N, C-alpha and C. Protein backbone atom coordinates (compact mmCIF):
# COMPACT_ATOMS: atom_id res chain seq x y z
N MET A 1 198.12 184.67 -28.80
CA MET A 1 199.23 185.08 -29.63
C MET A 1 199.28 184.19 -30.88
N ALA A 2 199.48 184.80 -32.00
CA ALA A 2 199.51 184.08 -33.27
C ALA A 2 200.79 183.27 -33.39
N GLU A 3 200.68 182.17 -34.10
CA GLU A 3 201.85 181.32 -34.39
C GLU A 3 202.83 182.14 -35.23
N PRO A 4 204.11 182.21 -34.82
CA PRO A 4 205.06 183.03 -35.57
C PRO A 4 205.45 182.44 -36.93
N LEU A 5 205.32 181.13 -37.09
CA LEU A 5 205.68 180.51 -38.37
C LEU A 5 204.42 180.14 -39.14
N THR A 6 204.44 180.41 -40.43
CA THR A 6 203.34 179.98 -41.28
C THR A 6 203.46 178.48 -41.51
N PRO A 7 202.39 177.84 -41.96
CA PRO A 7 202.49 176.41 -42.27
C PRO A 7 203.57 176.12 -43.33
N GLU A 8 203.73 177.01 -44.29
CA GLU A 8 204.75 176.83 -45.32
C GLU A 8 206.15 176.88 -44.71
N MET A 9 206.37 177.81 -43.77
CA MET A 9 207.66 177.91 -43.09
C MET A 9 207.94 176.64 -42.30
N LYS A 10 206.92 176.16 -41.58
CA LYS A 10 207.09 174.94 -40.80
C LYS A 10 207.44 173.75 -41.70
N GLU A 11 206.81 173.70 -42.85
CA GLU A 11 207.08 172.61 -43.79
C GLU A 11 208.52 172.67 -44.30
N LEU A 12 208.97 173.86 -44.62
CA LEU A 12 210.36 174.01 -45.09
C LEU A 12 211.36 173.69 -43.98
N VAL A 13 211.07 174.12 -42.77
CA VAL A 13 211.95 173.81 -41.64
C VAL A 13 212.00 172.30 -41.42
N ALA A 14 210.86 171.65 -41.51
CA ALA A 14 210.81 170.19 -41.36
C ALA A 14 211.62 169.50 -42.46
N SER A 15 211.54 170.02 -43.68
CA SER A 15 212.32 169.44 -44.78
C SER A 15 213.81 169.63 -44.54
N LEU A 16 214.20 170.82 -44.10
CA LEU A 16 215.60 171.08 -43.80
C LEU A 16 216.05 170.18 -42.65
N GLY A 17 215.22 170.05 -41.63
CA GLY A 17 215.54 169.17 -40.51
C GLY A 17 215.76 167.73 -40.95
N ALA A 18 214.93 167.28 -41.87
CA ALA A 18 215.08 165.91 -42.37
C ALA A 18 216.40 165.75 -43.13
N LEU A 19 216.79 166.77 -43.88
CA LEU A 19 218.07 166.71 -44.60
C LEU A 19 219.24 166.69 -43.62
N VAL A 20 219.16 167.50 -42.59
CA VAL A 20 220.23 167.52 -41.59
C VAL A 20 220.28 166.19 -40.85
N LYS A 21 219.12 165.67 -40.52
CA LYS A 21 219.05 164.39 -39.81
C LYS A 21 219.65 163.27 -40.66
N ALA A 22 219.49 163.33 -41.97
CA ALA A 22 220.02 162.31 -42.87
C ALA A 22 221.50 162.50 -43.18
N ASP A 23 222.05 163.65 -42.84
CA ASP A 23 223.45 163.95 -43.13
C ASP A 23 224.36 163.06 -42.27
N PRO A 24 225.42 162.53 -42.84
CA PRO A 24 226.33 161.67 -42.07
C PRO A 24 226.95 162.37 -40.85
N ARG A 25 227.07 163.68 -40.90
CA ARG A 25 227.63 164.41 -39.74
C ARG A 25 226.69 164.34 -38.54
N ASN A 26 225.39 164.23 -38.78
CA ASN A 26 224.44 164.07 -37.69
C ASN A 26 224.62 162.72 -37.02
N GLU A 27 224.73 161.68 -37.82
CA GLU A 27 224.94 160.34 -37.25
C GLU A 27 226.28 160.27 -36.53
N ALA A 28 227.29 160.93 -37.08
CA ALA A 28 228.62 160.92 -36.46
C ALA A 28 228.60 161.60 -35.09
N ILE A 29 227.90 162.72 -34.96
CA ILE A 29 227.88 163.41 -33.66
C ILE A 29 227.05 162.59 -32.67
N LYS A 30 225.98 161.98 -33.11
CA LYS A 30 225.19 161.14 -32.19
C LYS A 30 226.00 159.96 -31.69
N ARG A 31 226.74 159.32 -32.59
CA ARG A 31 227.58 158.19 -32.21
C ARG A 31 228.70 158.65 -31.28
N ALA A 32 229.30 159.80 -31.57
CA ALA A 32 230.39 160.32 -30.73
C ALA A 32 229.88 160.69 -29.34
N ILE A 33 228.70 161.27 -29.25
CA ILE A 33 228.11 161.59 -27.94
C ILE A 33 227.86 160.32 -27.16
N ASP A 34 227.32 159.31 -27.83
CA ASP A 34 227.05 158.04 -27.16
C ASP A 34 228.35 157.41 -26.64
N ASP A 35 229.39 157.40 -27.47
CA ASP A 35 230.69 156.85 -27.05
C ASP A 35 231.24 157.65 -25.88
N TYR A 36 231.13 158.96 -25.95
CA TYR A 36 231.62 159.86 -24.90
C TYR A 36 230.90 159.56 -23.57
N GLU A 37 229.60 159.44 -23.63
CA GLU A 37 228.82 159.19 -22.42
C GLU A 37 229.07 157.80 -21.84
N ARG A 38 229.42 156.84 -22.67
CA ARG A 38 229.63 155.47 -22.21
C ARG A 38 231.07 155.18 -21.79
N CYS A 39 231.98 156.07 -22.06
CA CYS A 39 233.39 155.81 -21.76
C CYS A 39 233.65 156.07 -20.28
N GLU A 40 233.73 155.00 -19.52
CA GLU A 40 233.93 155.12 -18.08
C GLU A 40 235.26 155.79 -17.74
N GLU A 41 236.30 155.43 -18.47
CA GLU A 41 237.62 156.02 -18.21
C GLU A 41 237.59 157.53 -18.40
N LEU A 42 237.03 157.98 -19.49
CA LEU A 42 236.96 159.41 -19.78
C LEU A 42 236.08 160.12 -18.76
N ASN A 43 234.94 159.54 -18.44
CA ASN A 43 234.04 160.17 -17.47
C ASN A 43 234.65 160.23 -16.08
N ALA A 44 235.44 159.23 -15.72
CA ALA A 44 236.12 159.27 -14.42
C ALA A 44 237.15 160.41 -14.39
N MET A 45 237.86 160.60 -15.49
CA MET A 45 238.82 161.70 -15.55
C MET A 45 238.12 163.05 -15.47
N ILE A 46 236.99 163.17 -16.17
CA ILE A 46 236.23 164.42 -16.15
C ILE A 46 235.68 164.70 -14.76
N ALA A 47 235.19 163.67 -14.10
CA ALA A 47 234.67 163.84 -12.73
C ALA A 47 235.79 164.28 -11.80
N GLU A 48 236.96 163.66 -11.92
CA GLU A 48 238.08 164.08 -11.07
C GLU A 48 238.52 165.50 -11.42
N TYR A 49 238.55 165.81 -12.70
CA TYR A 49 238.91 167.17 -13.13
C TYR A 49 237.98 168.20 -12.48
N ASN A 50 236.69 167.94 -12.52
CA ASN A 50 235.71 168.85 -11.92
C ASN A 50 235.90 168.95 -10.41
N ALA A 51 236.16 167.81 -9.77
CA ALA A 51 236.39 167.81 -8.32
C ALA A 51 237.65 168.61 -7.97
N GLN A 52 238.69 168.44 -8.76
CA GLN A 52 239.94 169.18 -8.51
C GLN A 52 239.73 170.68 -8.74
N GLN A 53 238.93 171.03 -9.74
CA GLN A 53 238.60 172.45 -9.99
C GLN A 53 237.88 173.03 -8.79
N ASN A 54 236.92 172.29 -8.25
CA ASN A 54 236.18 172.75 -7.07
C ASN A 54 237.10 172.87 -5.86
N LEU A 55 237.99 171.91 -5.70
CA LEU A 55 238.94 171.94 -4.60
C LEU A 55 239.83 173.17 -4.68
N LEU A 56 240.29 173.47 -5.88
CA LEU A 56 241.15 174.65 -6.06
C LEU A 56 240.36 175.94 -5.81
N ALA A 57 239.14 175.99 -6.30
CA ALA A 57 238.31 177.18 -6.07
C ALA A 57 238.07 177.37 -4.57
N ASP A 58 237.80 176.29 -3.87
CA ASP A 58 237.59 176.37 -2.42
C ASP A 58 238.87 176.81 -1.71
N ALA A 59 240.02 176.36 -2.19
CA ALA A 59 241.29 176.74 -1.58
C ALA A 59 241.54 178.24 -1.70
N TYR A 60 241.14 178.81 -2.83
CA TYR A 60 241.32 180.25 -3.02
C TYR A 60 240.25 181.07 -2.31
N ALA A 61 239.06 180.51 -2.16
CA ALA A 61 237.95 181.26 -1.59
C ALA A 61 237.79 181.06 -0.09
N GLY A 62 238.40 180.03 0.45
CA GLY A 62 238.19 179.68 1.86
C GLY A 62 238.84 180.65 2.82
N ASP A 63 238.41 180.54 4.09
CA ASP A 63 238.95 181.39 5.15
C ASP A 63 240.39 181.00 5.50
N SER A 64 240.67 179.70 5.46
CA SER A 64 242.03 179.25 5.77
C SER A 64 242.77 178.96 4.47
N ASP A 65 244.00 179.41 4.40
CA ASP A 65 244.82 179.23 3.21
C ASP A 65 245.63 177.95 3.36
N PRO A 66 245.40 176.95 2.46
CA PRO A 66 246.13 175.70 2.58
C PRO A 66 247.59 175.82 2.12
N GLY A 67 247.94 176.97 1.57
CA GLY A 67 249.32 177.20 1.15
C GLY A 67 249.50 177.06 -0.35
N GLU A 68 250.53 177.72 -0.82
CA GLU A 68 250.82 177.73 -2.26
C GLU A 68 251.23 176.36 -2.77
N GLU A 69 251.93 175.59 -1.96
CA GLU A 69 252.37 174.26 -2.39
C GLU A 69 251.16 173.36 -2.68
N PHE A 70 250.15 173.41 -1.81
CA PHE A 70 248.93 172.64 -2.01
C PHE A 70 248.22 173.10 -3.27
N LYS A 71 248.05 174.41 -3.41
CA LYS A 71 247.35 174.95 -4.58
C LYS A 71 248.08 174.57 -5.87
N GLN A 72 249.39 174.62 -5.85
CA GLN A 72 250.15 174.27 -7.05
C GLN A 72 250.02 172.78 -7.37
N ALA A 73 249.99 171.94 -6.33
CA ALA A 73 249.82 170.50 -6.55
C ALA A 73 248.46 170.20 -7.18
N VAL A 74 247.43 170.89 -6.70
CA VAL A 74 246.10 170.70 -7.27
C VAL A 74 246.08 171.22 -8.71
N GLN A 75 246.68 172.37 -8.95
CA GLN A 75 246.72 172.92 -10.31
C GLN A 75 247.48 171.99 -11.25
N ASP A 76 248.57 171.42 -10.78
CA ASP A 76 249.33 170.47 -11.60
C ASP A 76 248.48 169.25 -11.96
N ARG A 77 247.69 168.77 -11.01
CA ARG A 77 246.81 167.63 -11.27
C ARG A 77 245.72 168.01 -12.27
N ILE A 78 245.18 169.21 -12.13
CA ILE A 78 244.17 169.70 -13.08
C ILE A 78 244.77 169.74 -14.48
N ASP A 79 245.97 170.27 -14.60
CA ASP A 79 246.63 170.38 -15.91
C ASP A 79 246.88 169.00 -16.51
N ALA A 80 247.31 168.05 -15.69
CA ALA A 80 247.56 166.69 -16.17
C ALA A 80 246.26 166.03 -16.62
N LEU A 81 245.22 166.21 -15.85
CA LEU A 81 243.92 165.65 -16.23
C LEU A 81 243.41 166.27 -17.53
N TYR A 82 243.55 167.57 -17.66
CA TYR A 82 243.12 168.25 -18.89
C TYR A 82 243.84 167.66 -20.10
N ASP A 83 245.16 167.51 -19.97
CA ASP A 83 245.94 166.94 -21.08
C ASP A 83 245.49 165.52 -21.40
N SER A 84 245.21 164.72 -20.37
CA SER A 84 244.76 163.34 -20.58
C SER A 84 243.37 163.30 -21.21
N ILE A 85 242.50 164.17 -20.77
CA ILE A 85 241.14 164.21 -21.32
C ILE A 85 241.16 164.61 -22.78
N THR A 86 241.84 165.70 -23.09
CA THR A 86 241.83 166.20 -24.47
C THR A 86 242.61 165.32 -25.44
N ALA A 87 243.48 164.46 -24.91
CA ALA A 87 244.23 163.54 -25.77
C ALA A 87 243.56 162.16 -25.87
N HIS A 88 242.49 161.96 -25.10
CA HIS A 88 241.80 160.67 -25.11
C HIS A 88 241.14 160.47 -26.47
N PRO A 89 241.28 159.30 -27.07
CA PRO A 89 240.71 159.07 -28.41
C PRO A 89 239.20 159.29 -28.50
N VAL A 90 238.47 158.96 -27.45
CA VAL A 90 237.02 159.17 -27.47
C VAL A 90 236.71 160.66 -27.47
N TYR A 91 237.45 161.43 -26.68
CA TYR A 91 237.26 162.88 -26.64
C TYR A 91 237.64 163.50 -27.98
N GLU A 92 238.75 163.06 -28.54
CA GLU A 92 239.18 163.60 -29.84
C GLU A 92 238.15 163.32 -30.92
N ALA A 93 237.59 162.11 -30.92
CA ALA A 93 236.55 161.75 -31.91
C ALA A 93 235.30 162.61 -31.69
N TYR A 94 234.95 162.82 -30.43
CA TYR A 94 233.80 163.66 -30.11
C TYR A 94 234.02 165.09 -30.64
N MET A 95 235.19 165.64 -30.37
CA MET A 95 235.46 167.02 -30.80
C MET A 95 235.47 167.13 -32.33
N GLU A 96 236.02 166.14 -32.99
CA GLU A 96 236.03 166.15 -34.45
C GLU A 96 234.60 166.13 -35.00
N ALA A 97 233.77 165.25 -34.45
CA ALA A 97 232.37 165.16 -34.90
C ALA A 97 231.61 166.43 -34.54
N LYS A 98 231.86 166.96 -33.36
CA LYS A 98 231.18 168.19 -32.93
C LYS A 98 231.55 169.36 -33.83
N ASN A 99 232.83 169.50 -34.14
CA ASN A 99 233.26 170.60 -35.00
C ASN A 99 232.65 170.49 -36.39
N ALA A 100 232.57 169.27 -36.92
CA ALA A 100 231.97 169.07 -38.24
C ALA A 100 230.48 169.40 -38.22
N PHE A 101 229.78 168.96 -37.18
CA PHE A 101 228.35 169.23 -37.09
C PHE A 101 228.09 170.71 -36.84
N ASP A 102 228.91 171.34 -35.99
CA ASP A 102 228.78 172.78 -35.75
C ASP A 102 229.01 173.57 -37.03
N ALA A 103 229.98 173.14 -37.83
CA ALA A 103 230.23 173.82 -39.11
C ALA A 103 229.01 173.72 -40.01
N LEU A 104 228.39 172.54 -40.04
CA LEU A 104 227.17 172.36 -40.83
C LEU A 104 226.07 173.31 -40.37
N THR A 105 225.79 173.32 -39.08
CA THR A 105 224.69 174.17 -38.58
C THR A 105 225.02 175.65 -38.75
N ASN A 106 226.27 176.03 -38.58
CA ASN A 106 226.65 177.43 -38.79
C ASN A 106 226.46 177.83 -40.24
N CYS A 107 226.77 176.93 -41.17
CA CYS A 107 226.56 177.23 -42.59
C CYS A 107 225.07 177.37 -42.90
N ILE A 108 224.26 176.53 -42.29
CA ILE A 108 222.81 176.63 -42.50
C ILE A 108 222.30 177.99 -42.02
N ILE A 109 222.72 178.39 -40.85
CA ILE A 109 222.30 179.70 -40.31
C ILE A 109 222.78 180.82 -41.21
N SER A 110 224.01 180.73 -41.67
CA SER A 110 224.57 181.76 -42.55
C SER A 110 223.78 181.84 -43.86
N GLU A 111 223.49 180.68 -44.44
CA GLU A 111 222.72 180.66 -45.69
C GLU A 111 221.31 181.20 -45.50
N LEU A 112 220.69 180.88 -44.36
CA LEU A 112 219.36 181.40 -44.07
C LEU A 112 219.40 182.91 -43.93
N GLN A 113 220.39 183.40 -43.21
CA GLN A 113 220.52 184.85 -43.06
C GLN A 113 220.75 185.51 -44.41
N PHE A 114 221.57 184.89 -45.27
CA PHE A 114 221.81 185.43 -46.60
C PHE A 114 220.52 185.43 -47.43
N ALA A 115 219.74 184.37 -47.32
CA ALA A 115 218.48 184.29 -48.07
C ALA A 115 217.50 185.37 -47.62
N ILE A 116 217.55 185.71 -46.35
CA ILE A 116 216.63 186.71 -45.81
C ILE A 116 217.10 188.13 -46.11
N THR A 117 218.40 188.39 -45.90
CA THR A 117 218.91 189.76 -45.98
C THR A 117 219.67 190.07 -47.26
N GLY A 118 220.13 189.05 -47.95
CA GLY A 118 220.96 189.28 -49.12
C GLY A 118 222.41 189.56 -48.76
N GLN A 119 222.74 189.46 -47.49
CA GLN A 119 224.11 189.70 -47.02
C GLN A 119 224.59 188.51 -46.21
N LYS A 120 225.87 188.21 -46.39
CA LYS A 120 226.49 187.18 -45.56
C LYS A 120 226.71 187.78 -44.18
N PRO A 121 226.52 186.98 -43.12
CA PRO A 121 226.74 187.50 -41.77
C PRO A 121 228.21 187.82 -41.55
N CYS A 122 228.46 188.87 -40.79
CA CYS A 122 229.82 189.28 -40.50
C CYS A 122 230.30 188.52 -39.27
N SER A 123 231.44 187.86 -39.41
CA SER A 123 232.00 187.11 -38.29
C SER A 123 232.87 188.00 -37.41
N ARG A 124 233.01 189.26 -37.81
CA ARG A 124 233.89 190.21 -37.14
C ARG A 124 235.36 189.81 -37.28
N ASP A 125 235.62 188.84 -38.15
CA ASP A 125 236.98 188.47 -38.49
C ASP A 125 237.24 189.07 -39.86
N CYS A 126 237.76 190.27 -39.86
CA CYS A 126 237.88 191.03 -41.08
C CYS A 126 238.83 190.39 -42.11
N ALA A 127 239.62 189.42 -41.69
CA ALA A 127 240.47 188.71 -42.63
C ALA A 127 239.62 187.90 -43.61
N SER A 128 238.42 187.51 -43.17
CA SER A 128 237.58 186.68 -44.02
C SER A 128 236.81 187.47 -45.06
N CYS A 129 236.59 188.78 -44.82
CA CYS A 129 235.77 189.52 -45.78
C CYS A 129 236.33 190.89 -46.12
N GLY A 130 237.40 191.29 -45.50
CA GLY A 130 237.97 192.58 -45.81
C GLY A 130 237.40 193.71 -44.98
N GLY A 131 236.56 193.40 -44.03
CA GLY A 131 236.06 194.44 -43.12
C GLY A 131 234.57 194.63 -43.18
N CYS A 132 234.02 195.23 -42.19
CA CYS A 132 232.59 195.51 -42.11
C CYS A 132 232.29 196.82 -42.82
N ARG A 133 231.11 196.87 -43.38
CA ARG A 133 230.70 198.09 -44.10
C ARG A 133 229.41 198.59 -43.50
């Protein structure tokens, strides 16, 4: 099977990759991921959150019903953990960096599609463009 990209295409992709790699948003997301992975407090909350989710799923799927009071207590703990996780400064920094980097990559894809087709991609959010044609 023939290589789908020409050498010229590969060169341009490599150049674009180098520009993205040099962009401060790339360094910010890498740093945020590293902080996220190293934060023991946050990871402990996430591990408990996952365990509580599994416990609740088992309670609903199991042969014996532990009762609504038990299920509600587990759900309340899940909700509290979710609030603590999403309000944690490391998580907030990660989400901010992720959203900025995702916006960058989405713009690159949009610009590439525009360069190829001459049309901006439709987000299906007609408020942004007035509707699909």
